[in-house]
Amino acid sequence: MLFNSLIFIFGFLPVAYLVFWTLRTTAQRHVWLTITGYVFYGYWDARFCLLMAFSTLVSYFAGLAFLRFGPRKLILWLPVSCDLALLGFFKYAGFFAESVDQVAAAAHLKPLLPVLHIVLPIGISFYTFHTISYIVDCYRGVVKPTRSLFEFSAYVSLFSQLVAGPIVRFRQIEADLENLARADRRAGLYAGSSFFVFGLVEKVLVADSLARFVNPWLADYQHLSSGACWLAMFGYAMQLYFDFSGYSSMAVGLGLMFGLKIPQNFNSPYRSRTPSEFWRRWHISLSTCIRDYLFIPLGGSRGSKWLTARNIMISMFLGGLWHGANFTFILWGLYWGSLLVLYHLAGRYWDALPGRGVLMFVLATLGWVLFRASTLHMAGGLFERMLVPTAGVLPQDWDVFLLLTALATLWAVWGPNVFEFHAPARTLVRIPLLGFVFGITLAVMAGSRASPFLYFQF
């Protein structure tokens, strides 16, 4: 089920919302949030609800074990290994087998491993991060393990952030989960509605409009001119941002409507002037998780510059691999790791460069080539056409695409993001324009098929 679908807005959400606020106790609301989460997830493929339930139970009982036996490493590593094994099988087993067979073929050997064509459960990377972060935080004593199964299952299966984040740590919404019976319904409705509408506009009116140009252009990238390739990738940079930012904004809004404060995931990243600033602004929940659960345990920046550089490269390599089982994502992670290391080693020279904001946006766009390309061959072809002047076609309606990309860029760089826009508590009421735009968005949705969010593939 998609947030940007009519069945969600006029069917699932009203039922979930009305029943939630009819219930009186916190425990009842935990149960209802769990039910709605599984219904929401099962709408795509009910079989994988069992997988999420298993991961939830493993992590929940690990927390209870910490309460009884204390922070023991065996209690930490067994459930974490179990969660990683599930993620590894469903997300990376086929990629690993295929890579081994490609190496064997290059050596003129027969295939060594059978390639399994496994359906990737939507959101498995996100809810696995939730369960693992909970176990690690329990081990570290950052949170006290909950004794309530439904409180924990509501956290893992929370439909507002289940399939594409933000990656919410248990400690960030623990207090809200425990005080649902005292949540302010009216304030949550006003604030949540404005966040949701803002995100819906980002997705439907901006990201999907750009996708109508980006997808066919990049599908025929071999015939594009250098200028057309650059325009296509600038358009994709905006499509990806508004698509994922839109989802995160809607997730925040839905959380507020149910009494939960989901943290900010984007803070206008295209305003960044350095690689490190970009990652403080882009996908904030992921970058902070990589910092806290990978970079710092590896040693962080406590050692020499070269040890710090090593820790950065390992963290970004794993961050790239987390996004997908493809060499393009691995190279994307290493690309960003290299930029971060460069800034770490020579930041004072970088800071003296003129036009750092423009440079940072161009570098980010080059990185998106690896993120968007389905194969290394496609990535290489795009890089060649973008970096070497190449003749080719400029598709029709390029001027419309250029205008849309320019307007999206103006909004992304100089316009307000959702948290800046949402200064008043009753934004939807005080700014009627947002309600008017919501009507336009619904009209667009009614005349087109709902498109999945780009981060669903991860």
Protein backbone atom coordinates (compact mmCIF):
# COMPACT_ATOMS: atom_id res chain seq x y z
CA MET A 1 0.00 0.00 0.00
CA LEU A 2 1.29 3.43 -0.92
CA PHE A 3 0.87 6.69 1.00
CA ASN A 4 0.16 8.39 -2.34
CA SER A 5 -2.78 6.12 -3.20
CA LEU A 6 -6.47 6.87 -2.85
CA ILE A 7 -7.12 3.59 -1.03
CA PHE A 8 -4.66 4.65 1.67
CA ILE A 9 -5.93 8.21 2.04
CA PHE A 10 -9.66 7.46 1.91
CA GLY A 11 -9.70 3.87 3.16
CA PHE A 12 -6.89 2.61 5.35
CA LEU A 13 -5.89 5.86 7.07
CA PRO A 14 -9.37 6.98 8.23
CA VAL A 15 -10.14 3.54 9.70
CA ALA A 16 -6.74 3.29 11.41
CA TYR A 17 -7.05 6.82 12.77
CA LEU A 18 -10.63 6.63 14.06
CA VAL A 19 -10.22 3.28 15.78
CA PHE A 20 -6.91 4.39 17.34
CA TRP A 21 -8.50 7.44 18.98
CA THR A 22 -11.58 5.45 20.04
CA LEU A 23 -9.40 3.13 22.12
CA ARG A 24 -8.70 4.37 25.63
CA THR A 25 -5.59 2.66 26.98
CA THR A 26 -2.00 2.71 25.82
CA ALA A 27 -1.88 -1.08 25.65
CA GLN A 28 -4.93 -1.18 23.38
CA ARG A 29 -3.32 1.36 21.07
CA HIS A 30 -0.12 -0.70 20.93
CA VAL A 31 -2.16 -3.67 19.78
CA TRP A 32 -3.99 -1.57 17.18
CA LEU A 33 -0.78 -0.06 15.82
CA THR A 34 0.60 -3.58 15.47
CA ILE A 35 -2.49 -4.76 13.62
CA THR A 36 -2.50 -1.79 11.27
CA GLY A 37 1.20 -2.24 10.60
CA TYR A 38 0.74 -5.86 9.57
CA VAL A 39 -2.33 -5.08 7.48
CA PHE A 40 -0.41 -2.29 5.74
CA TYR A 41 2.60 -4.54 5.12
CA GLY A 42 0.54 -7.58 4.19
CA TYR A 43 -1.30 -5.62 1.51
CA TRP A 44 1.84 -6.07 -0.60
CA ASP A 45 2.57 -9.74 0.25
CA ALA A 46 1.12 -11.30 3.40
CA ARG A 47 3.72 -14.09 3.43
CA PHE A 48 6.47 -11.73 4.50
CA CYS A 49 4.55 -10.69 7.60
CA LEU A 50 5.83 -13.94 9.13
CA LEU A 51 9.40 -12.85 8.44
CA MET A 52 8.87 -9.51 10.16
CA ALA A 53 7.12 -11.22 13.08
CA PHE A 54 10.02 -13.65 13.50
CA SER A 55 12.58 -10.83 13.51
CA THR A 56 10.42 -8.93 16.01
CA LEU A 57 10.16 -11.89 18.39
CA VAL A 58 13.88 -12.64 18.24
CA SER A 59 14.75 -9.06 19.18
CA TYR A 60 12.03 -8.81 21.82
CA PHE A 61 13.18 -11.94 23.65
CA ALA A 62 16.77 -10.76 23.40
CA GLY A 63 15.70 -7.64 25.28
CA LEU A 64 14.05 -9.75 27.98
CA ALA A 65 17.25 -11.79 28.25
CA PHE A 66 19.19 -8.58 28.94
CA LEU A 67 16.77 -7.80 31.77
CA ARG A 68 17.41 -11.17 33.35
CA PHE A 69 21.07 -11.89 32.65
CA GLY A 70 22.56 -8.45 32.00
CA PRO A 71 24.56 -7.15 29.03
CA ARG A 72 26.24 -10.34 27.81
CA LYS A 73 27.86 -10.54 24.40
CA LEU A 74 26.22 -13.86 23.58
CA ILE A 75 22.78 -12.27 24.00
CA LEU A 76 23.94 -9.47 21.73
CA TRP A 77 25.46 -11.49 18.91
CA LEU A 78 22.94 -14.31 18.59
CA PRO A 79 19.90 -12.16 17.65
CA VAL A 80 22.02 -9.68 15.66
CA SER A 81 23.50 -12.58 13.68
CA CYS A 82 20.02 -13.96 13.13
CA ASP A 83 18.72 -10.63 11.79
CA LEU A 84 21.79 -10.19 9.59
CA ALA A 85 21.44 -13.74 8.27
CA LEU A 86 17.86 -13.07 7.19
CA LEU A 87 18.84 -9.80 5.55
CA GLY A 88 21.83 -11.43 3.90
CA PHE A 89 19.81 -14.31 2.48
CA PHE A 90 16.95 -12.28 1.06
CA LYS A 91 18.98 -9.30 -0.14
CA TYR A 92 22.47 -10.55 -0.95
CA ALA A 93 22.47 -14.33 -1.54
CA GLY A 94 21.57 -14.07 -5.22
CA PHE A 95 24.08 -11.26 -5.78
CA PHE A 96 26.87 -13.23 -4.08
CA ALA A 97 26.16 -16.40 -6.08
CA GLU A 98 25.98 -14.48 -9.33
CA SER A 99 29.26 -12.68 -8.60
CA VAL A 100 31.04 -15.96 -7.81
CA ASP A 101 29.75 -17.49 -11.04
CA GLN A 102 30.92 -14.47 -13.04
CA VAL A 103 34.42 -14.89 -11.61
CA ALA A 104 34.28 -18.60 -12.47
CA ALA A 105 33.17 -17.82 -16.01
CA ALA A 106 36.07 -15.38 -16.41
CA ALA A 107 38.39 -18.22 -15.38
CA HIS A 108 36.65 -20.54 -17.89
CA LEU A 109 35.12 -22.65 -15.14
CA LYS A 110 31.62 -24.00 -14.73
CA PRO A 111 29.20 -22.12 -12.43
CA LEU A 112 30.08 -22.85 -8.82
CA LEU A 113 26.86 -21.75 -7.09
CA PRO A 114 23.19 -21.88 -8.05
CA VAL A 115 21.74 -18.42 -8.53
CA LEU A 116 18.60 -18.03 -6.43
CA HIS A 117 15.95 -15.63 -7.68
CA ILE A 118 14.65 -14.46 -4.31
CA VAL A 119 11.88 -11.91 -3.89
CA LEU A 120 13.20 -9.05 -1.78
CA PRO A 121 10.73 -8.22 1.02
CA ILE A 122 9.89 -4.53 0.93
CA GLY A 123 11.36 -2.63 3.86
CA ILE A 124 13.51 -5.48 5.21
CA SER A 125 16.59 -3.22 5.35
CA PHE A 126 14.69 -0.67 7.43
CA TYR A 127 12.98 -2.89 9.97
CA THR A 128 16.16 -4.96 10.36
CA PHE A 129 17.99 -1.75 11.24
CA HIS A 130 15.26 -1.08 13.82
CA THR A 131 15.58 -4.47 15.49
CA ILE A 132 19.40 -4.45 15.48
CA SER A 133 19.63 -0.90 16.84
CA TYR A 134 17.24 -1.90 19.64
CA ILE A 135 19.36 -4.92 20.61
CA VAL A 136 22.60 -2.93 20.54
CA ASP A 137 21.09 -0.08 22.56
CA CYS A 138 19.79 -2.57 25.14
CA TYR A 139 23.26 -4.10 25.39
CA ARG A 140 24.85 -0.67 25.81
CA GLY A 141 22.30 0.31 28.44
CA VAL A 142 21.05 3.21 26.33
CA VAL A 143 17.47 1.94 26.64
CA LYS A 144 15.79 -0.34 29.12
CA PRO A 145 14.25 -3.32 27.29
CA THR A 146 10.48 -3.18 27.17
CA ARG A 147 8.45 -5.97 28.74
CA SER A 148 5.50 -5.25 26.48
CA LEU A 149 5.51 -7.37 23.33
CA PHE A 150 2.93 -5.16 21.63
CA GLU A 151 4.80 -1.97 22.47
CA PHE A 152 7.87 -3.39 20.74
CA SER A 153 5.91 -4.88 17.83
CA ALA A 154 4.15 -1.52 17.34
CA TYR A 155 7.59 0.11 17.12
CA VAL A 156 8.90 -2.38 14.53
CA SER A 157 5.73 -2.54 12.42
CA LEU A 158 4.74 1.13 12.64
CA PHE A 159 3.19 1.64 9.21
CA SER A 160 4.19 5.29 8.95
CA GLN A 161 7.89 4.38 8.66
CA LEU A 162 7.87 0.64 8.05
CA VAL A 163 8.94 0.25 4.44
CA ALA A 164 11.21 3.22 3.74
CA GLY A 165 12.08 4.86 7.05
CA PRO A 166 13.11 7.15 8.55
CA ILE A 167 15.15 4.73 10.65
CA VAL A 168 13.68 5.48 14.05
CA ARG A 169 15.49 4.18 17.12
CA PHE A 170 13.40 2.86 19.96
CA ARG A 171 14.70 5.45 22.38
CA GLN A 172 13.53 8.24 20.07
CA ILE A 173 9.85 7.32 20.37
CA GLU A 174 9.83 5.22 23.56
CA ALA A 175 8.31 8.01 25.66
CA ASP A 176 5.63 8.66 23.03
CA LEU A 177 4.77 4.95 22.80
CA GLU A 178 4.36 4.76 26.56
CA ASN A 179 2.12 7.84 26.71
CA LEU A 180 -0.26 7.21 23.81
CA ALA A 181 -3.26 7.40 26.13
CA ARG A 182 -2.38 11.04 26.89
CA ALA A 183 -1.50 12.10 23.35
CA ASP A 184 -2.97 15.41 22.14
CA ARG A 185 -5.28 14.41 19.30
CA ARG A 186 -6.10 17.91 18.08
CA ALA A 187 -2.51 19.20 17.96
CA GLY A 188 -1.36 15.99 16.32
CA LEU A 189 -4.05 16.22 13.65
CA TYR A 190 -3.24 19.82 12.72
CA ALA A 191 0.52 19.32 12.63
CA GLY A 192 0.40 15.85 11.12
CA SER A 193 -1.98 16.89 8.33
CA SER A 194 0.31 19.71 7.24
CA PHE A 195 3.36 17.46 7.18
CA PHE A 196 1.46 14.79 5.25
CA VAL A 197 0.12 17.22 2.65
CA PHE A 198 3.53 18.83 2.22
CA GLY A 199 5.09 15.41 1.60
CA LEU A 200 2.31 14.41 -0.78
CA VAL A 201 2.98 17.53 -2.85
CA GLU A 202 6.71 16.74 -2.91
CA LYS A 203 6.03 13.23 -4.18
CA VAL A 204 3.08 13.63 -6.56
CA LEU A 205 3.54 17.11 -8.00
CA VAL A 206 7.33 17.34 -8.04
CA ALA A 207 9.03 13.93 -8.00
CA ASP A 208 6.50 12.12 -10.20
CA SER A 209 6.39 15.02 -12.67
CA LEU A 210 10.16 14.84 -13.06
CA ALA A 211 10.03 11.04 -13.35
CA ARG A 212 7.94 11.33 -16.52
CA PHE A 213 11.00 12.82 -18.19
CA VAL A 214 13.85 11.20 -16.28
CA ASN A 215 12.80 7.56 -16.76
CA PRO A 216 12.41 7.54 -20.59
CA TRP A 217 15.47 9.74 -21.07
CA LEU A 218 17.73 7.47 -19.02
CA ALA A 219 16.20 4.37 -20.59
CA ASP A 220 17.63 5.66 -23.89
CA TYR A 221 20.80 7.25 -22.52
CA GLN A 222 22.98 5.77 -25.32
CA HIS A 223 21.50 8.26 -27.77
CA LEU A 224 21.52 11.37 -25.56
CA SER A 225 23.91 14.24 -26.04
CA SER A 226 26.21 15.31 -23.22
CA GLY A 227 23.91 18.21 -22.33
CA ALA A 228 20.88 15.95 -22.31
CA CYS A 229 22.65 13.48 -19.99
CA TRP A 230 23.51 16.27 -17.57
CA LEU A 231 19.92 17.53 -17.65
CA ALA A 232 18.59 14.00 -17.07
CA MET A 233 20.86 13.51 -14.05
CA PHE A 234 20.08 16.96 -12.60
CA GLY A 235 16.42 16.03 -12.98
CA TYR A 236 17.04 12.68 -11.29
CA ALA A 237 18.85 14.41 -8.41
CA MET A 238 15.69 16.43 -7.80
CA GLN A 239 13.35 13.48 -8.39
CA LEU A 240 15.19 11.35 -5.81
CA TYR A 241 15.29 14.14 -3.26
CA PHE A 242 11.62 15.08 -3.47
CA ASP A 243 10.54 11.44 -3.69
CA PHE A 244 12.34 10.37 -0.52
CA SER A 245 11.89 13.67 1.29
CA GLY A 246 8.19 13.45 0.45
CA TYR A 247 7.95 9.98 1.95
CA SER A 248 9.81 11.09 5.08
CA SER A 249 7.58 14.15 5.45
CA MET A 250 4.48 12.00 5.18
CA ALA A 251 5.95 9.56 7.71
CA VAL A 252 6.48 12.41 10.18
CA GLY A 253 2.93 13.65 9.60
CA LEU A 254 1.38 10.21 10.07
CA GLY A 255 3.39 9.73 13.23
CA LEU A 256 2.12 13.01 14.67
CA MET A 257 -1.48 12.05 13.84
CA PHE A 258 -0.99 8.98 16.05
CA GLY A 259 0.85 10.76 18.85
CA LEU A 260 4.40 9.86 17.79
CA LYS A 261 7.24 12.27 17.01
CA ILE A 262 9.31 10.78 14.18
CA PRO A 263 12.57 12.70 13.75
CA GLN A 264 13.54 14.82 10.76
CA ASN A 265 15.22 12.88 7.94
CA PHE A 266 16.10 15.69 5.50
CA ASN A 267 17.35 19.20 6.07
CA SER A 268 17.72 20.74 2.61
CA PRO A 269 20.85 18.72 1.65
CA TYR A 270 21.42 20.55 -1.63
CA ARG A 271 22.33 23.63 0.36
CA SER A 272 25.45 21.79 1.53
CA ARG A 273 28.91 23.13 0.80
CA THR A 274 31.00 20.19 2.02
CA PRO A 275 30.67 16.37 1.84
CA SER A 276 30.31 16.05 5.60
CA GLU A 277 27.57 18.70 5.66
CA PHE A 278 25.74 16.84 2.90
CA TRP A 279 25.59 13.71 5.05
CA ARG A 280 24.42 15.70 8.05
CA ARG A 281 21.49 16.83 5.92
CA TRP A 282 20.71 13.86 3.62
CA HIS A 283 18.93 10.78 5.03
CA ILE A 284 19.83 11.92 8.53
CA SER A 285 18.53 8.79 10.24
CA LEU A 286 20.77 6.52 8.15
CA SER A 287 23.88 8.68 8.37
CA THR A 288 23.60 8.93 12.17
CA CYS A 289 23.07 5.16 12.43
CA ILE A 290 26.17 4.54 10.31
CA ARG A 291 28.05 6.93 12.57
CA ASP A 292 26.87 5.42 15.86
CA TYR A 293 26.82 1.71 14.97
CA LEU A 294 29.70 1.47 12.46
CA PHE A 295 32.04 4.46 12.36
CA ILE A 296 32.42 5.06 16.11
CA PRO A 297 32.77 1.34 17.05
CA LEU A 298 35.49 1.06 14.39
CA GLY A 299 37.40 3.78 16.21
CA GLY A 300 35.81 6.88 14.73
CA SER A 301 38.18 9.80 14.50
CA ARG A 302 40.07 8.95 17.70
CA GLY A 303 43.15 7.59 15.91
CA SER A 304 45.44 9.01 13.26
CA LYS A 305 44.15 10.68 10.12
CA TRP A 306 44.78 7.53 8.14
CA LEU A 307 42.93 5.31 10.62
CA THR A 308 40.05 7.77 10.50
CA ALA A 309 40.14 7.61 6.71
CA ARG A 310 40.00 3.81 6.90
CA ASN A 311 36.99 3.95 9.22
CA ILE A 312 35.23 6.36 6.88
CA MET A 313 35.82 4.13 3.86
CA ILE A 314 34.61 0.99 5.65
CA SER A 315 31.50 2.77 6.93
CA MET A 316 30.57 4.21 3.55
CA PHE A 317 31.32 0.93 1.77
CA LEU A 318 28.85 -0.84 4.07
CA GLY A 319 26.43 2.06 3.74
CA GLY A 320 26.52 1.70 -0.03
CA LEU A 321 26.05 -2.07 0.20
CA TRP A 322 23.09 -1.56 2.54
CA HIS A 323 21.30 0.28 -0.26
CA GLY A 324 21.37 -2.65 -2.63
CA ALA A 325 23.04 -5.84 -3.85
CA ASN A 326 24.78 -4.30 -6.83
CA PHE A 327 28.33 -3.18 -7.57
CA THR A 328 26.95 0.24 -8.49
CA PHE A 329 25.86 0.81 -4.87
CA ILE A 330 29.22 -0.41 -3.59
CA LEU A 331 31.03 2.06 -5.85
CA TRP A 332 28.58 4.78 -4.83
CA GLY A 333 29.48 4.20 -1.18
CA LEU A 334 33.19 4.22 -1.98
CA TYR A 335 32.74 7.40 -4.04
CA TRP A 336 31.22 9.21 -1.09
CA GLY A 337 33.79 7.68 1.25
CA SER A 338 36.54 9.13 -0.97
CA LEU A 339 34.94 12.59 -0.92
CA LEU A 340 34.62 12.45 2.88
CA VAL A 341 38.23 11.31 3.26
CA LEU A 342 39.38 14.07 0.91
CA TYR A 343 37.57 16.64 3.00
CA HIS A 344 38.92 15.09 6.21
CA LEU A 345 42.51 15.31 4.96
CA ALA A 346 42.34 18.63 3.11
CA GLY A 347 39.31 20.42 4.50
CA ARG A 348 41.03 23.79 4.82
CA TYR A 349 41.77 23.84 1.09
CA TRP A 350 38.22 22.75 0.26
CA ASP A 351 36.79 25.51 2.47
CA ALA A 352 38.82 28.09 0.55
CA LEU A 353 37.30 27.11 -2.80
CA PRO A 354 34.82 29.56 -4.38
CA GLY A 355 31.38 28.30 -5.32
CA ARG A 356 31.47 25.32 -2.97
CA GLY A 357 27.70 24.96 -3.01
CA VAL A 358 27.61 24.54 -6.79
CA LEU A 359 30.61 22.20 -6.68
CA MET A 360 28.97 20.08 -4.01
CA PHE A 361 25.76 19.78 -6.02
CA VAL A 362 27.68 18.73 -9.14
CA LEU A 363 29.65 16.14 -7.17
CA ALA A 364 26.45 14.81 -5.62
CA THR A 365 24.88 14.55 -9.09
CA LEU A 366 27.88 12.59 -10.38
CA GLY A 367 27.42 10.24 -7.46
CA TRP A 368 23.77 9.76 -8.36
CA VAL A 369 24.90 8.26 -11.68
CA LEU A 370 26.11 5.21 -9.75
CA PHE A 371 22.98 5.24 -7.60
CA ARG A 372 20.62 5.37 -10.59
CA ALA A 373 22.43 3.10 -13.06
CA SER A 374 21.17 -0.49 -13.11
CA THR A 375 24.55 -1.84 -14.25
CA LEU A 376 28.19 -0.79 -14.28
CA HIS A 377 27.95 -0.64 -18.07
CA MET A 378 25.16 1.93 -17.83
CA ALA A 379 27.08 3.95 -15.25
CA GLY A 380 30.17 3.94 -17.46
CA GLY A 381 28.14 5.02 -20.47
CA LEU A 382 26.59 7.92 -18.60
CA PHE A 383 29.93 9.05 -17.18
CA GLU A 384 31.48 8.93 -20.63
CA ARG A 385 28.76 11.08 -22.17
CA MET A 386 28.69 13.52 -19.26
CA LEU A 387 32.46 14.00 -18.99
CA VAL A 388 33.42 13.76 -22.68
CA PRO A 389 31.56 16.11 -25.10
CA THR A 390 29.35 13.79 -27.13
CA ALA A 391 26.84 14.50 -29.87
CA GLY A 392 23.40 13.05 -29.56
CA VAL A 393 19.72 13.80 -29.39
CA LEU A 394 17.93 16.27 -27.18
CA PRO A 395 14.46 14.75 -26.71
CA GLN A 396 11.30 16.68 -27.31
CA ASP A 397 9.86 18.76 -24.47
CA TRP A 398 13.37 19.33 -23.15
CA ASP A 399 12.40 22.91 -22.40
CA VAL A 400 9.53 21.78 -20.17
CA PHE A 401 11.86 19.36 -18.39
CA LEU A 402 14.45 22.10 -17.94
CA LEU A 403 11.83 24.42 -16.45
CA LEU A 404 10.59 21.75 -14.03
CA THR A 405 14.13 20.89 -12.96
CA ALA A 406 14.98 24.55 -12.45
CA LEU A 407 11.86 25.16 -10.33
CA ALA A 408 12.56 22.04 -8.27
CA THR A 409 16.16 23.18 -7.77
CA LEU A 410 15.02 26.62 -6.61
CA TRP A 411 12.73 24.98 -4.05
CA ALA A 412 15.37 22.48 -2.90
CA VAL A 413 18.10 25.09 -2.45
CA TRP A 414 16.30 28.28 -1.45
CA GLY A 415 12.76 27.22 -0.57
CA PRO A 416 11.62 26.03 2.85
CA ASN A 417 11.74 22.38 3.77
CA VAL A 418 8.85 20.87 5.66
CA PHE A 419 10.25 21.59 9.12
CA GLU A 420 10.95 25.22 8.21
CA PHE A 421 7.54 25.59 6.59
CA HIS A 422 5.77 24.12 9.60
CA ALA A 423 6.50 26.90 12.07
CA PRO A 424 2.86 27.52 13.10
CA ALA A 425 1.07 24.72 14.92
CA ARG A 426 -1.93 24.88 12.60
CA THR A 427 -0.26 25.26 9.22
CA LEU A 428 -3.07 23.62 7.26
CA VAL A 429 -5.60 26.06 8.75
CA ARG A 430 -3.48 29.23 8.67
CA ILE A 431 -2.24 28.71 5.14
CA PRO A 432 -5.26 27.86 2.96
CA LEU A 433 -2.94 27.56 -0.02
CA LEU A 434 -1.78 24.20 1.31
CA GLY A 435 -5.35 22.94 1.36
CA PHE A 436 -5.83 24.19 -2.20
CA VAL A 437 -2.67 22.39 -3.33
CA PHE A 438 -3.89 19.25 -1.58
CA GLY A 439 -7.01 19.35 -3.74
CA ILE A 440 -4.90 19.71 -6.88
CA THR A 441 -2.73 16.80 -5.75
CA LEU A 442 -5.76 14.58 -5.22
CA ALA A 443 -7.01 15.48 -8.70
CA VAL A 444 -3.66 14.48 -10.18
CA MET A 445 -3.71 11.23 -8.20
CA ALA A 446 -7.22 10.42 -9.40
CA GLY A 447 -6.11 10.74 -13.02
CA SER A 448 -2.94 8.65 -12.75
CA ARG A 449 -1.63 5.44 -11.26
CA ALA A 450 0.15 5.71 -7.90
CA SER A 451 3.90 5.27 -8.34
CA PRO A 452 6.06 3.49 -5.73
CA PHE A 453 8.62 5.44 -3.76
CA LEU A 454 12.18 5.02 -5.00
CA TYR A 455 13.49 3.81 -1.65
CA PHE A 456 11.04 0.88 -1.62
CA GLN A 457 13.67 -1.10 -3.55
CA PHE A 458 16.00 -0.98 -0.56
